C-alpha atoms as a PDB file:
ATOM      1  CA  UNK A   1     -12.990 -11.828  23.428  1.00  0.00           C
ATOM      2  CA  UNK A   2     -11.484 -10.410  20.268  1.00  0.00           C
ATOM      3  CA  UNK A   3     -13.369 -10.112  17.000  1.00  0.00           C
ATOM      4  CA  UNK A   4     -11.412  -9.716  13.787  1.00  0.00           C
ATOM      5  CA  UNK A   5     -12.660  -8.405  10.457  1.00  0.00           C
ATOM      6  CA  UNK A   6     -10.453  -8.488   7.363  1.00  0.00           C
ATOM      7  CA  UNK A   7     -10.829  -6.255   4.337  1.00  0.00           C
ATOM      8  CA  UNK A   8      -8.888  -5.187   1.282  1.00  0.00           C
ATOM      9  CA  UNK A   9      -8.877  -8.354  -0.754  1.00  0.00           C
ATOM     10  CA  UNK A  10      -9.674  -8.414  -4.434  1.00  0.00           C
ATOM     11  CA  UNK A  11      -8.472  -9.194  -7.928  1.00  0.00           C
ATOM     12  CA  UNK A  12      -5.087  -7.908  -9.023  1.00  0.00           C
ATOM     13  CA  UNK A  13      -2.706  -8.622 -11.869  1.00  0.00           C
ATOM     14  CA  UNK A  14       0.591 -10.327 -11.256  1.00  0.00           C
ATOM     15  CA  UNK A  15       3.179  -7.789 -10.183  1.00  0.00           C
ATOM     16  CA  UNK A  16       0.554  -5.595  -8.571  1.00  0.00           C
ATOM     17  CA  UNK A  17      -0.068  -4.689  -4.945  1.00  0.00           C
ATOM     18  CA  UNK A  18      -2.801  -4.936  -2.362  1.00  0.00           C
ATOM     19  CA  UNK A  19      -3.056  -3.928   1.260  1.00  0.00           C
ATOM     20  CA  UNK A  20      -5.106  -6.037   3.601  1.00  0.00           C
ATOM     21  CA  UNK A  21      -6.481  -4.670   6.836  1.00  0.00           C
ATOM     22  CA  UNK A  22      -7.701  -6.473   9.907  1.00  0.00           C
ATOM     23  CA  UNK A  23      -9.757  -4.495  12.403  1.00  0.00           C
ATOM     24  CA  UNK A  24      -9.954  -5.892  15.905  1.00  0.00           C
ATOM     25  CA  UNK A  25     -12.415  -5.276  18.673  1.00  0.00           C
ATOM     26  CA  UNK A  26     -11.434  -5.273  22.314  1.00  0.00           C
ATOM     27  CA  UNK A  27      -9.324  -3.088  24.540  1.00  0.00           C
ATOM     28  CA  UNK A  28      -6.395  -5.476  24.822  1.00  0.00           C
ATOM     29  CA  UNK A  29      -5.424  -5.559  21.153  1.00  0.00           C
ATOM     30  CA  UNK A  30      -1.918  -4.289  21.826  1.00  0.00           C
ATOM     31  CA  UNK A  31      -1.177  -7.310  24.011  1.00  0.00           C
ATOM     32  CA  UNK A  32      -1.760  -9.788  21.206  1.00  0.00           C
ATOM     33  CA  UNK A  33       0.602 -11.008  18.567  1.00  0.00           C
ATOM     34  CA  UNK A  34      -1.180 -10.703  15.236  1.00  0.00           C
ATOM     35  CA  UNK A  35      -0.708 -13.049  12.339  1.00  0.00           C
ATOM     36  CA  UNK A  36      -1.729 -13.409   8.724  1.00  0.00           C
ATOM     37  CA  UNK A  37      -2.382 -16.823   7.251  1.00  0.00           C
ATOM     38  CA  UNK A  38      -3.668 -17.975   3.886  1.00  0.00           C
ATOM     39  CA  UNK A  39      -5.356 -20.978   2.383  1.00  0.00           C
ATOM     40  CA  UNK A  40      -5.360 -21.745  -1.306  1.00  0.00           C
ATOM     41  CA  UNK A  41      -7.894 -24.122  -2.881  1.00  0.00           C
ATOM     42  CA  UNK A  42      -7.014 -27.713  -2.133  1.00  0.00           C
ATOM     43  CA  UNK A  43      -4.180 -26.746   0.185  1.00  0.00           C
ATOM     44  CA  UNK A  44      -3.732 -26.466   3.907  1.00  0.00           C
ATOM     45  CA  UNK A  45      -3.707 -23.145   5.649  1.00  0.00           C
ATOM     46  CA  UNK A  46      -0.205 -21.691   5.876  1.00  0.00           C
ATOM     47  CA  UNK A  47       1.522 -19.022   7.881  1.00  0.00           C
ATOM     48  CA  UNK A  48       2.306 -15.776   6.090  1.00  0.00           C
ATOM     49  CA  UNK A  49       3.510 -13.231   8.634  1.00  0.00           C
ATOM     50  CA  UNK A  50       3.356 -12.296  12.290  1.00  0.00           C
ATOM     51  CA  UNK A  51       3.921  -9.155  14.335  1.00  0.00           C
ATOM     52  CA  UNK A  52       4.361  -9.239  18.087  1.00  0.00           C
ATOM     53  CA  UNK A  53       3.224  -6.535  20.481  1.00  0.00           C
ATOM     54  CA  UNK A  54       6.830  -5.302  20.459  1.00  0.00           C
ATOM     55  CA  UNK A  55       6.780  -4.812  16.712  1.00  0.00           C
ATOM     56  CA  UNK A  56       9.011  -7.800  16.008  1.00  0.00           C
ATOM     57  CA  UNK A  57       8.048  -9.386  12.701  1.00  0.00           C
ATOM     58  CA  UNK A  58       8.379 -12.836  11.170  1.00  0.00           C
ATOM     59  CA  UNK A  59       7.690 -13.854   7.584  1.00  0.00           C
ATOM     60  CA  UNK A  60       7.282 -17.015   5.593  1.00  0.00           C
ATOM     61  CA  UNK A  61      10.120 -17.527   3.128  1.00  0.00           C
ATOM     62  CA  UNK A  62       7.679 -17.360   0.230  1.00  0.00           C
ATOM     63  CA  UNK A  63       6.681 -13.767   0.994  1.00  0.00           C
ATOM     64  CA  UNK A  64       9.754 -12.280   2.641  1.00  0.00           C
ATOM     65  CA  UNK A  65      10.859  -9.159   0.805  1.00  0.00           C
ATOM     66  CA  UNK A  66       7.458  -8.745  -0.898  1.00  0.00           C
ATOM     67  CA  UNK A  67       5.009  -8.546   2.015  1.00  0.00           C
ATOM     68  CA  UNK A  68       5.131  -6.253   5.034  1.00  0.00           C
ATOM     69  CA  UNK A  69       3.091  -6.668   8.190  1.00  0.00           C
ATOM     70  CA  UNK A  70       2.448  -3.698  10.439  1.00  0.00           C
ATOM     71  CA  UNK A  71       0.088  -2.683  13.198  1.00  0.00           C
ATOM     72  CA  UNK A  72      -1.514   0.464  14.519  1.00  0.00           C
ATOM     73  CA  UNK A  73      -2.460  -0.173  18.125  1.00  0.00           C
ATOM     74  CA  UNK A  74      -4.303   3.146  18.380  1.00  0.00           C
ATOM     75  CA  UNK A  75      -6.621   1.947  15.619  1.00  0.00           C
ATOM     76  CA  UNK A  76      -6.722  -1.707  16.697  1.00  0.00           C
ATOM     77  CA  UNK A  77      -5.691  -2.647  13.180  1.00  0.00           C
ATOM     78  CA  UNK A  78      -3.055  -4.840  11.590  1.00  0.00           C
ATOM     79  CA  UNK A  79      -2.068  -4.526   7.952  1.00  0.00           C
ATOM     80  CA  UNK A  80      -0.478  -6.697   5.326  1.00  0.00           C
ATOM     81  CA  UNK A  81       1.072  -4.788   2.444  1.00  0.00           C
ATOM     82  CA  UNK A  82       1.552  -7.176  -0.450  1.00  0.00           C
ATOM     83  CA  UNK A  83       3.778  -6.109  -3.333  1.00  0.00           C
ATOM     84  CA  UNK A  84       4.929  -7.891  -6.468  1.00  0.00           C
ATOM     85  CA  UNK A  85       2.071 -10.341  -6.171  1.00  0.00           C
ATOM     86  CA  UNK A  86       2.334 -13.701  -7.889  1.00  0.00           C
ATOM     87  CA  UNK A  87      -0.317 -16.128  -9.033  1.00  0.00           C
ATOM     88  CA  UNK A  88       0.694 -18.468  -6.243  1.00  0.00           C
ATOM     89  CA  UNK A  89      -0.334 -15.815  -3.724  1.00  0.00           C
ATOM     90  CA  UNK A  90      -3.965 -16.457  -4.666  1.00  0.00           C
ATOM     91  CA  UNK A  91      -5.757 -17.590  -1.507  1.00  0.00           C
ATOM     92  CA  UNK A  92      -8.164 -16.630   1.216  1.00  0.00           C
ATOM     93  CA  UNK A  93      -6.223 -14.558   3.716  1.00  0.00           C
ATOM     94  CA  UNK A  94      -7.037 -14.704   7.407  1.00  0.00           C
ATOM     95  CA  UNK A  95      -5.842 -12.634  10.291  1.00  0.00           C
ATOM     96  CA  UNK A  96      -5.527 -14.115  13.746  1.00  0.00           C
ATOM     97  CA  UNK A  97      -4.699 -13.012  17.271  1.00  0.00           C
ATOM     98  CA  UNK A  98      -2.503 -14.871  19.720  1.00  0.00           C
ATOM     99  CA  UNK A  99      -1.790 -14.119  23.343  1.00  0.00           C
ATOM    100  CA  UNK A 100       0.915 -16.809  23.235  1.00  0.00           C
ATOM    101  CA  UNK A 101       2.016 -17.521  19.662  1.00  0.00           C
ATOM    102  CA  UNK A 102       1.929 -19.865  17.872  1.00  0.00           C
ATOM    103  CA  UNK A 103      -1.373 -20.654  19.587  1.00  0.00           C
ATOM    104  CA  UNK A 104      -3.834 -18.347  17.869  1.00  0.00           C
ATOM    105  CA  UNK A 105      -6.991 -17.795  19.867  1.00  0.00           C
ATOM    106  CA  UNK A 106      -9.107 -15.732  17.491  1.00  0.00           C
ATOM    107  CA  UNK A 107      -9.607 -15.762  13.727  1.00  0.00           C
ATOM    108  CA  UNK A 108     -11.259 -13.523  11.193  1.00  0.00           C
ATOM    109  CA  UNK A 109     -13.603 -14.683   8.454  1.00  0.00           C
ATOM    110  CA  UNK A 110     -11.064 -14.239   5.677  1.00  0.00           C
ATOM    111  CA  UNK A 111     -10.736 -12.113   2.573  1.00  0.00           C
ATOM    112  CA  UNK A 112     -10.138 -13.428  -0.942  1.00  0.00           C
ATOM    113  CA  UNK A 113      -7.038 -12.406  -2.871  1.00  0.00           C
ATOM    114  CA  UNK A 114      -6.872 -13.447  -6.509  1.00  0.00           C
ATOM    115  CA  UNK A 115      -3.814 -12.765  -8.637  1.00  0.00           C
ATOM    116  CA  UNK A 116      -4.235 -13.086 -12.388  1.00  0.00           C
ATOM    117  CA  UNK A 117      -1.494 -13.503 -14.949  1.00  0.00           C
END
């Protein structure tokens, strides 16, 4: 079992930055690929970024060059650094863990990110 808790969301002006954190329980964190997803009001949940145990990263086209995913296995934590935020980045952001991506086994409760103009 892996439990995930996101933090770091909030209200920010367009062009600003936020860093989301996702703390994971469990001793096998390093074996999981970790992903960030988001869901805006009235829209389906969408993929944002992923980092494999090897450190290999993948990004959605909409965030590539602005967002950076990283992980600290010693702290059982994955991060999402979000720069140059846009209004369309407003959403609830979720982290998830996958032993075999893209099948994510565990999900956090989400953290709200709101970008104002």
